[in-house]
Amino acid sequence: MNGFKDKLINFFRQRYGIDELYKFLLTMFIIIWVLNIFIRSTILYWLNLLICFFIIYRMFSKNVYKRQKENIKFLRIKDKLKGKVKLSRRKWKDRKTHIYRKCPNCKAEVRLPKKKGKHVCTCPNCKKDFNVKC
């Protein structure tokens, strides 16, 4: 019995395992599975099956470098989306007192106090002046 346990441990030692992309895919699998219970769609069934096979493939893969690159790409996309959601929440919270404009030079989002009329602003990133009309 000990020989089988050692072989199993050695088998899993050489595999990629679990990461953030795995957790996201597993969450999507569960959500689609629950939806499919109520909707009964063949498209959702096949999508869920595809996600399941991809999860298993990634988890048991020996190509650790490629799996890490996939996870890094996923984390970049996730962080970008988180930043956009955070900015949208902040814009909504500040909608009565501030406006947000993009700098024409560096494309940075600049938070400005609401003022009537036309005025000149300086971008905190590139230090260039640009006109703003409210």
N, C-alpha and C. Protein backbone atom coordinates (compact mmCIF):
# COMPACT_ATOMS: atom_id res chain seq x y z
N MET A 1 0.82 -1.20 0.00
CA MET A 1 0.00 0.00 0.00
C MET A 1 0.86 1.26 0.00
N ASN A 2 1.99 1.22 0.71
CA ASN A 2 2.88 2.37 0.75
C ASN A 2 3.45 2.68 -0.62
N GLY A 3 3.71 1.66 -1.44
CA GLY A 3 4.25 1.87 -2.78
C GLY A 3 3.27 2.63 -3.66
N PHE A 4 1.98 2.30 -3.54
CA PHE A 4 0.95 3.00 -4.31
C PHE A 4 0.85 4.47 -3.87
N LYS A 5 0.92 4.70 -2.57
CA LYS A 5 0.85 6.06 -2.03
C LYS A 5 2.03 6.88 -2.54
N ASP A 6 3.21 6.31 -2.54
CA ASP A 6 4.40 7.01 -3.04
C ASP A 6 4.29 7.31 -4.53
N LYS A 7 3.76 6.35 -5.29
CA LYS A 7 3.58 6.58 -6.72
C LYS A 7 2.56 7.68 -6.98
N LEU A 8 1.51 7.72 -6.18
CA LEU A 8 0.48 8.75 -6.33
C LEU A 8 1.05 10.13 -5.99
N ILE A 9 1.81 10.20 -4.92
CA ILE A 9 2.44 11.47 -4.53
C ILE A 9 3.41 11.92 -5.61
N ASN A 10 4.20 11.00 -6.15
CA ASN A 10 5.16 11.34 -7.20
C ASN A 10 4.44 11.80 -8.47
N PHE A 11 3.30 11.16 -8.79
CA PHE A 11 2.51 11.55 -9.97
C PHE A 11 2.02 12.99 -9.85
N PHE A 12 1.50 13.35 -8.68
CA PHE A 12 0.97 14.70 -8.50
C PHE A 12 2.07 15.73 -8.29
N ARG A 13 3.26 15.33 -7.89
CA ARG A 13 4.37 16.26 -7.71
C ARG A 13 4.80 16.86 -9.05
N GLN A 14 4.66 16.11 -10.12
CA GLN A 14 5.10 16.56 -11.43
C GLN A 14 4.01 17.32 -12.20
N ARG A 15 2.85 17.51 -11.60
CA ARG A 15 1.73 18.16 -12.28
C ARG A 15 1.60 19.61 -11.84
N TYR A 16 0.86 20.41 -12.65
CA TYR A 16 0.74 21.84 -12.39
C TYR A 16 -0.10 22.14 -11.16
N GLY A 17 -1.33 21.63 -11.09
CA GLY A 17 -2.15 21.83 -9.90
C GLY A 17 -3.13 22.99 -10.02
N ILE A 18 -3.34 23.70 -8.93
CA ILE A 18 -4.40 24.69 -8.80
C ILE A 18 -3.80 26.10 -8.77
N ASP A 19 -4.48 27.05 -9.46
CA ASP A 19 -4.09 28.46 -9.43
C ASP A 19 -5.35 29.31 -9.52
N GLU A 20 -5.18 30.62 -9.74
CA GLU A 20 -6.32 31.53 -9.79
C GLU A 20 -7.23 31.26 -10.98
N LEU A 21 -6.67 30.93 -12.12
CA LEU A 21 -7.47 30.62 -13.30
C LEU A 21 -8.30 29.36 -13.05
N TYR A 22 -7.72 28.38 -12.38
CA TYR A 22 -8.44 27.16 -12.01
C TYR A 22 -9.64 27.51 -11.14
N LYS A 23 -9.44 28.37 -10.14
CA LYS A 23 -10.54 28.75 -9.24
C LYS A 23 -11.64 29.47 -10.00
N PHE A 24 -11.26 30.35 -10.93
CA PHE A 24 -12.25 31.07 -11.73
C PHE A 24 -13.04 30.09 -12.61
N LEU A 25 -12.34 29.19 -13.28
CA LEU A 25 -13.01 28.22 -14.15
C LEU A 25 -13.92 27.29 -13.34
N LEU A 26 -13.49 26.90 -12.17
CA LEU A 26 -14.33 26.05 -11.32
C LEU A 26 -15.59 26.80 -10.89
N THR A 27 -15.45 28.08 -10.56
CA THR A 27 -16.62 28.90 -10.21
C THR A 27 -17.57 29.01 -11.39
N MET A 28 -17.02 29.25 -12.59
CA MET A 28 -17.86 29.33 -13.79
C MET A 28 -18.55 27.99 -14.05
N PHE A 29 -17.84 26.89 -13.84
CA PHE A 29 -18.41 25.56 -14.02
C PHE A 29 -19.62 25.37 -13.10
N ILE A 30 -19.48 25.74 -11.84
CA ILE A 30 -20.58 25.58 -10.88
C ILE A 30 -21.76 26.48 -11.24
N ILE A 31 -21.49 27.73 -11.62
CA ILE A 31 -22.57 28.65 -11.99
C ILE A 31 -23.32 28.13 -13.21
N ILE A 32 -22.60 27.71 -14.22
CA ILE A 32 -23.25 27.18 -15.43
C ILE A 32 -24.00 25.90 -15.12
N TRP A 33 -23.45 25.07 -14.26
CA TRP A 33 -24.11 23.83 -13.87
C TRP A 33 -25.45 24.11 -13.19
N VAL A 34 -25.47 25.08 -12.27
CA VAL A 34 -26.71 25.46 -11.59
C VAL A 34 -27.70 26.06 -12.59
N LEU A 35 -27.22 26.92 -13.48
CA LEU A 35 -28.09 27.49 -14.52
C LEU A 35 -28.69 26.40 -15.40
N ASN A 36 -27.87 25.43 -15.72
CA ASN A 36 -28.33 24.35 -16.60
C ASN A 36 -29.39 23.48 -15.93
N ILE A 37 -29.39 23.42 -14.62
CA ILE A 37 -30.44 22.68 -13.91
C ILE A 37 -31.80 23.32 -14.18
N PHE A 38 -31.84 24.65 -14.21
CA PHE A 38 -33.10 25.36 -14.41
C PHE A 38 -33.45 25.58 -15.87
N ILE A 39 -32.45 25.84 -16.71
CA ILE A 39 -32.71 26.19 -18.11
C ILE A 39 -32.77 24.97 -19.02
N ARG A 40 -31.96 23.96 -18.76
CA ARG A 40 -31.88 22.75 -19.59
C ARG A 40 -31.49 23.07 -21.03
N SER A 41 -30.31 23.60 -21.21
CA SER A 41 -29.82 23.97 -22.53
C SER A 41 -28.66 23.06 -22.93
N THR A 42 -28.67 22.61 -24.18
CA THR A 42 -27.57 21.77 -24.64
C THR A 42 -26.29 22.59 -24.82
N ILE A 43 -26.45 23.86 -25.14
CA ILE A 43 -25.28 24.74 -25.29
C ILE A 43 -24.57 24.88 -23.94
N LEU A 44 -25.34 25.11 -22.88
CA LEU A 44 -24.74 25.21 -21.55
C LEU A 44 -24.11 23.88 -21.13
N TYR A 45 -24.75 22.78 -21.50
CA TYR A 45 -24.20 21.45 -21.18
C TYR A 45 -22.83 21.27 -21.82
N TRP A 46 -22.73 21.57 -23.12
CA TRP A 46 -21.45 21.40 -23.83
C TRP A 46 -20.40 22.39 -23.35
N LEU A 47 -20.83 23.61 -23.03
CA LEU A 47 -19.90 24.61 -22.50
C LEU A 47 -19.34 24.14 -21.16
N ASN A 48 -20.20 23.60 -20.33
CA ASN A 48 -19.77 23.09 -19.03
C ASN A 48 -18.81 21.91 -19.20
N LEU A 49 -19.11 21.05 -20.13
CA LEU A 49 -18.24 19.91 -20.40
C LEU A 49 -16.86 20.37 -20.88
N LEU A 50 -16.85 21.37 -21.75
CA LEU A 50 -15.61 21.94 -22.25
C LEU A 50 -14.79 22.56 -21.11
N ILE A 51 -15.46 23.31 -20.24
CA ILE A 51 -14.77 23.91 -19.09
C ILE A 51 -14.20 22.83 -18.19
N CYS A 52 -14.97 21.78 -17.96
CA CYS A 52 -14.52 20.67 -17.11
C CYS A 52 -13.26 20.01 -17.68
N PHE A 53 -13.26 19.73 -18.98
CA PHE A 53 -12.08 19.12 -19.59
C PHE A 53 -10.87 20.05 -19.54
N PHE A 54 -11.10 21.35 -19.73
CA PHE A 54 -10.01 22.32 -19.67
C PHE A 54 -9.44 22.40 -18.25
N ILE A 55 -10.30 22.35 -17.25
CA ILE A 55 -9.85 22.37 -15.85
C ILE A 55 -8.96 21.15 -15.57
N ILE A 56 -9.43 19.99 -15.97
CA ILE A 56 -8.68 18.76 -15.73
C ILE A 56 -7.35 18.77 -16.50
N TYR A 57 -7.39 19.23 -17.76
CA TYR A 57 -6.18 19.31 -18.58
C TYR A 57 -5.14 20.21 -17.92
N ARG A 58 -5.57 21.40 -17.46
CA ARG A 58 -4.63 22.33 -16.84
C ARG A 58 -4.08 21.78 -15.53
N MET A 59 -4.94 21.15 -14.74
CA MET A 59 -4.53 20.67 -13.43
C MET A 59 -3.50 19.54 -13.54
N PHE A 60 -3.65 18.66 -14.53
CA PHE A 60 -2.75 17.52 -14.66
C PHE A 60 -1.63 17.75 -15.67
N SER A 61 -1.50 18.96 -16.17
CA SER A 61 -0.48 19.26 -17.17
C SER A 61 0.92 19.24 -16.56
N LYS A 62 1.87 18.76 -17.35
CA LYS A 62 3.27 18.78 -16.93
C LYS A 62 3.99 20.04 -17.42
N ASN A 63 3.37 20.77 -18.33
CA ASN A 63 3.99 21.97 -18.88
C ASN A 63 3.68 23.16 -17.95
N VAL A 64 4.45 23.25 -16.90
CA VAL A 64 4.22 24.25 -15.86
C VAL A 64 4.41 25.66 -16.40
N TYR A 65 5.40 25.86 -17.26
CA TYR A 65 5.70 27.18 -17.80
C TYR A 65 4.50 27.75 -18.57
N LYS A 66 3.89 26.96 -19.45
CA LYS A 66 2.73 27.43 -20.21
C LYS A 66 1.55 27.72 -19.31
N ARG A 67 1.31 26.87 -18.30
CA ARG A 67 0.19 27.08 -17.39
C ARG A 67 0.40 28.35 -16.57
N GLN A 68 1.64 28.64 -16.19
CA GLN A 68 1.93 29.87 -15.46
C GLN A 68 1.70 31.09 -16.33
N LYS A 69 2.07 31.01 -17.62
CA LYS A 69 1.84 32.12 -18.55
C LYS A 69 0.35 32.37 -18.72
N GLU A 70 -0.44 31.29 -18.83
CA GLU A 70 -1.90 31.43 -18.94
C GLU A 70 -2.45 32.12 -17.69
N ASN A 71 -1.97 31.72 -16.53
CA ASN A 71 -2.45 32.30 -15.28
C ASN A 71 -2.07 33.78 -15.19
N ILE A 72 -0.87 34.12 -15.62
CA ILE A 72 -0.43 35.52 -15.59
C ILE A 72 -1.30 36.37 -16.51
N LYS A 73 -1.61 35.87 -17.70
CA LYS A 73 -2.50 36.61 -18.62
C LYS A 73 -3.87 36.80 -17.99
N PHE A 74 -4.39 35.74 -17.37
CA PHE A 74 -5.68 35.83 -16.70
C PHE A 74 -5.66 36.89 -15.59
N LEU A 75 -4.60 36.89 -14.79
CA LEU A 75 -4.50 37.86 -13.69
C LEU A 75 -4.41 39.28 -14.20
N ARG A 76 -3.72 39.50 -15.33
CA ARG A 76 -3.66 40.84 -15.92
C ARG A 76 -5.04 41.31 -16.34
N ILE A 77 -5.78 40.44 -17.02
CA ILE A 77 -7.14 40.79 -17.45
C ILE A 77 -8.04 41.05 -16.24
N LYS A 78 -7.91 40.20 -15.24
CA LYS A 78 -8.71 40.34 -14.02
C LYS A 78 -8.41 41.67 -13.33
N ASP A 79 -7.13 42.03 -13.22
CA ASP A 79 -6.75 43.29 -12.58
C ASP A 79 -7.24 44.49 -13.37
N LYS A 80 -7.19 44.41 -14.70
CA LYS A 80 -7.68 45.50 -15.54
C LYS A 80 -9.18 45.70 -15.33
N LEU A 81 -9.93 44.60 -15.30
CA LEU A 81 -11.38 44.69 -15.07
C LEU A 81 -11.69 45.21 -13.67
N LYS A 82 -10.92 44.77 -12.68
CA LYS A 82 -11.12 45.26 -11.32
C LYS A 82 -10.89 46.77 -11.26
N GLY A 83 -9.87 47.25 -11.95
CA GLY A 83 -9.57 48.68 -11.98
C GLY A 83 -10.70 49.48 -12.61
N LYS A 84 -11.27 48.95 -13.71
CA LYS A 84 -12.37 49.64 -14.36
C LYS A 84 -13.62 49.68 -13.49
N VAL A 85 -13.89 48.58 -12.80
CA VAL A 85 -15.05 48.54 -11.90
C VAL A 85 -14.84 49.51 -10.74
N LYS A 86 -13.64 49.53 -10.19
CA LYS A 86 -13.32 50.43 -9.09
C LYS A 86 -13.48 51.90 -9.51
N LEU A 87 -12.99 52.22 -10.72
CA LEU A 87 -13.11 53.58 -11.24
C LEU A 87 -14.57 53.94 -11.47
N SER A 88 -15.36 53.02 -11.99
CA SER A 88 -16.79 53.28 -12.22
C SER A 88 -17.51 53.55 -10.90
N ARG A 89 -17.19 52.78 -9.88
CA ARG A 89 -17.80 53.01 -8.56
C ARG A 89 -17.42 54.37 -8.01
N ARG A 90 -16.15 54.72 -8.18
CA ARG A 90 -15.69 56.02 -7.68
C ARG A 90 -16.36 57.16 -8.46
N LYS A 91 -16.49 57.00 -9.77
CA LYS A 91 -17.17 58.02 -10.58
C LYS A 91 -18.61 58.19 -10.11
N TRP A 92 -19.29 57.09 -9.84
CA TRP A 92 -20.68 57.15 -9.39
C TRP A 92 -20.77 57.83 -8.02
N LYS A 93 -19.84 57.51 -7.14
CA LYS A 93 -19.84 58.09 -5.80
C LYS A 93 -19.58 59.60 -5.85
N ASP A 94 -18.69 60.03 -6.75
CA ASP A 94 -18.28 61.44 -6.85
C ASP A 94 -19.08 62.22 -7.89
N ARG A 95 -20.14 61.67 -8.43
CA ARG A 95 -20.83 62.28 -9.58
C ARG A 95 -21.37 63.68 -9.30
N LYS A 96 -21.65 64.03 -8.06
CA LYS A 96 -22.21 65.35 -7.76
C LYS A 96 -21.14 66.40 -7.50
N THR A 97 -19.94 65.99 -7.14
CA THR A 97 -18.91 66.96 -6.77
C THR A 97 -17.72 67.00 -7.74
N HIS A 98 -17.52 65.93 -8.52
CA HIS A 98 -16.34 65.88 -9.39
C HIS A 98 -16.71 65.35 -10.78
N ILE A 99 -15.84 65.67 -11.74
CA ILE A 99 -15.94 65.10 -13.08
C ILE A 99 -14.62 64.39 -13.40
N TYR A 100 -14.68 63.48 -14.33
CA TYR A 100 -13.49 62.74 -14.75
C TYR A 100 -13.26 63.00 -16.23
N ARG A 101 -12.05 63.40 -16.57
CA ARG A 101 -11.69 63.65 -17.96
C ARG A 101 -10.37 62.94 -18.26
N LYS A 102 -10.20 62.54 -19.54
CA LYS A 102 -8.95 61.92 -19.96
C LYS A 102 -7.99 63.00 -20.44
N CYS A 103 -6.75 62.86 -20.05
CA CYS A 103 -5.70 63.76 -20.51
C CYS A 103 -5.46 63.46 -21.99
N PRO A 104 -5.47 64.48 -22.85
CA PRO A 104 -5.25 64.23 -24.28
C PRO A 104 -3.83 63.75 -24.61
N ASN A 105 -2.88 63.96 -23.72
CA ASN A 105 -1.50 63.57 -23.99
C ASN A 105 -1.19 62.14 -23.53
N CYS A 106 -1.46 61.85 -22.26
CA CYS A 106 -1.07 60.53 -21.73
C CYS A 106 -2.27 59.60 -21.52
N LYS A 107 -3.47 60.07 -21.80
CA LYS A 107 -4.71 59.28 -21.70
C LYS A 107 -5.04 58.84 -20.27
N ALA A 108 -4.46 59.50 -19.27
CA ALA A 108 -4.76 59.19 -17.88
C ALA A 108 -6.10 59.79 -17.50
N GLU A 109 -6.84 59.12 -16.63
CA GLU A 109 -8.13 59.61 -16.15
C GLU A 109 -7.85 60.58 -15.00
N VAL A 110 -8.31 61.83 -15.16
CA VAL A 110 -8.04 62.87 -14.18
C VAL A 110 -9.34 63.25 -13.48
N ARG A 111 -9.31 63.31 -12.15
CA ARG A 111 -10.46 63.69 -11.34
C ARG A 111 -10.40 65.18 -11.07
N LEU A 112 -11.45 65.89 -11.48
CA LEU A 112 -11.48 67.34 -11.36
C LEU A 112 -12.74 67.78 -10.61
N PRO A 113 -12.64 68.87 -9.84
CA PRO A 113 -13.84 69.38 -9.19
C PRO A 113 -14.79 69.98 -10.23
N LYS A 114 -16.08 69.87 -9.97
CA LYS A 114 -17.07 70.41 -10.91
C LYS A 114 -17.06 71.93 -10.80
N LYS A 115 -16.80 72.57 -11.93
CA LYS A 115 -16.84 74.04 -12.02
C LYS A 115 -17.56 74.40 -13.29
N LYS A 116 -18.37 75.40 -13.23
CA LYS A 116 -19.07 75.88 -14.42
C LYS A 116 -18.10 76.60 -15.33
N GLY A 117 -18.32 76.44 -16.64
CA GLY A 117 -17.52 77.16 -17.61
C GLY A 117 -16.28 76.42 -18.08
N LYS A 118 -15.39 77.19 -18.70
CA LYS A 118 -14.17 76.64 -19.27
C LYS A 118 -13.00 76.97 -18.35
N HIS A 119 -12.10 76.00 -18.15
CA HIS A 119 -10.89 76.26 -17.38
C HIS A 119 -9.76 75.33 -17.82
N VAL A 120 -8.55 75.65 -17.39
CA VAL A 120 -7.36 74.89 -17.77
C VAL A 120 -6.93 74.02 -16.59
N CYS A 121 -6.58 72.78 -16.90
CA CYS A 121 -6.13 71.83 -15.88
C CYS A 121 -4.75 71.30 -16.24
N THR A 122 -4.01 70.90 -15.23
CA THR A 122 -2.70 70.29 -15.43
C THR A 122 -2.79 68.81 -15.06
N CYS A 123 -2.33 67.96 -15.96
CA CYS A 123 -2.35 66.52 -15.71
C CYS A 123 -1.29 66.18 -14.67
N PRO A 124 -1.64 65.41 -13.63
CA PRO A 124 -0.64 65.06 -12.61
C PRO A 124 0.43 64.08 -13.12
N ASN A 125 0.13 63.34 -14.20
CA ASN A 125 1.11 62.37 -14.72
C ASN A 125 2.14 63.02 -15.63
N CYS A 126 1.65 63.70 -16.68
CA CYS A 126 2.58 64.23 -17.69
C CYS A 126 2.84 65.72 -17.52
N LYS A 127 2.16 66.38 -16.60
CA LYS A 127 2.35 67.81 -16.28
C LYS A 127 2.02 68.75 -17.45
N LYS A 128 1.18 68.28 -18.39
CA LYS A 128 0.76 69.12 -19.52
C LYS A 128 -0.58 69.77 -19.18
N ASP A 129 -0.80 70.97 -19.70
CA ASP A 129 -2.08 71.67 -19.51
C ASP A 129 -3.05 71.30 -20.61
N PHE A 130 -4.34 71.23 -20.26
CA PHE A 130 -5.40 71.01 -21.25
C PHE A 130 -6.67 71.70 -20.78
N ASN A 131 -7.52 72.03 -21.75
CA ASN A 131 -8.76 72.75 -21.47
C ASN A 131 -9.89 71.79 -21.11
N VAL A 132 -10.71 72.23 -20.16
CA VAL A 132 -11.86 71.44 -19.73
C VAL A 132 -13.09 72.34 -19.73
N LYS A 133 -14.18 71.83 -20.28
CA LYS A 133 -15.44 72.59 -20.28
C LYS A 133 -16.49 71.75 -19.57
N CYS A 134 -17.13 72.34 -18.59
CA CYS A 134 -18.17 71.64 -17.86
C CYS A 134 -19.55 72.21 -18.15
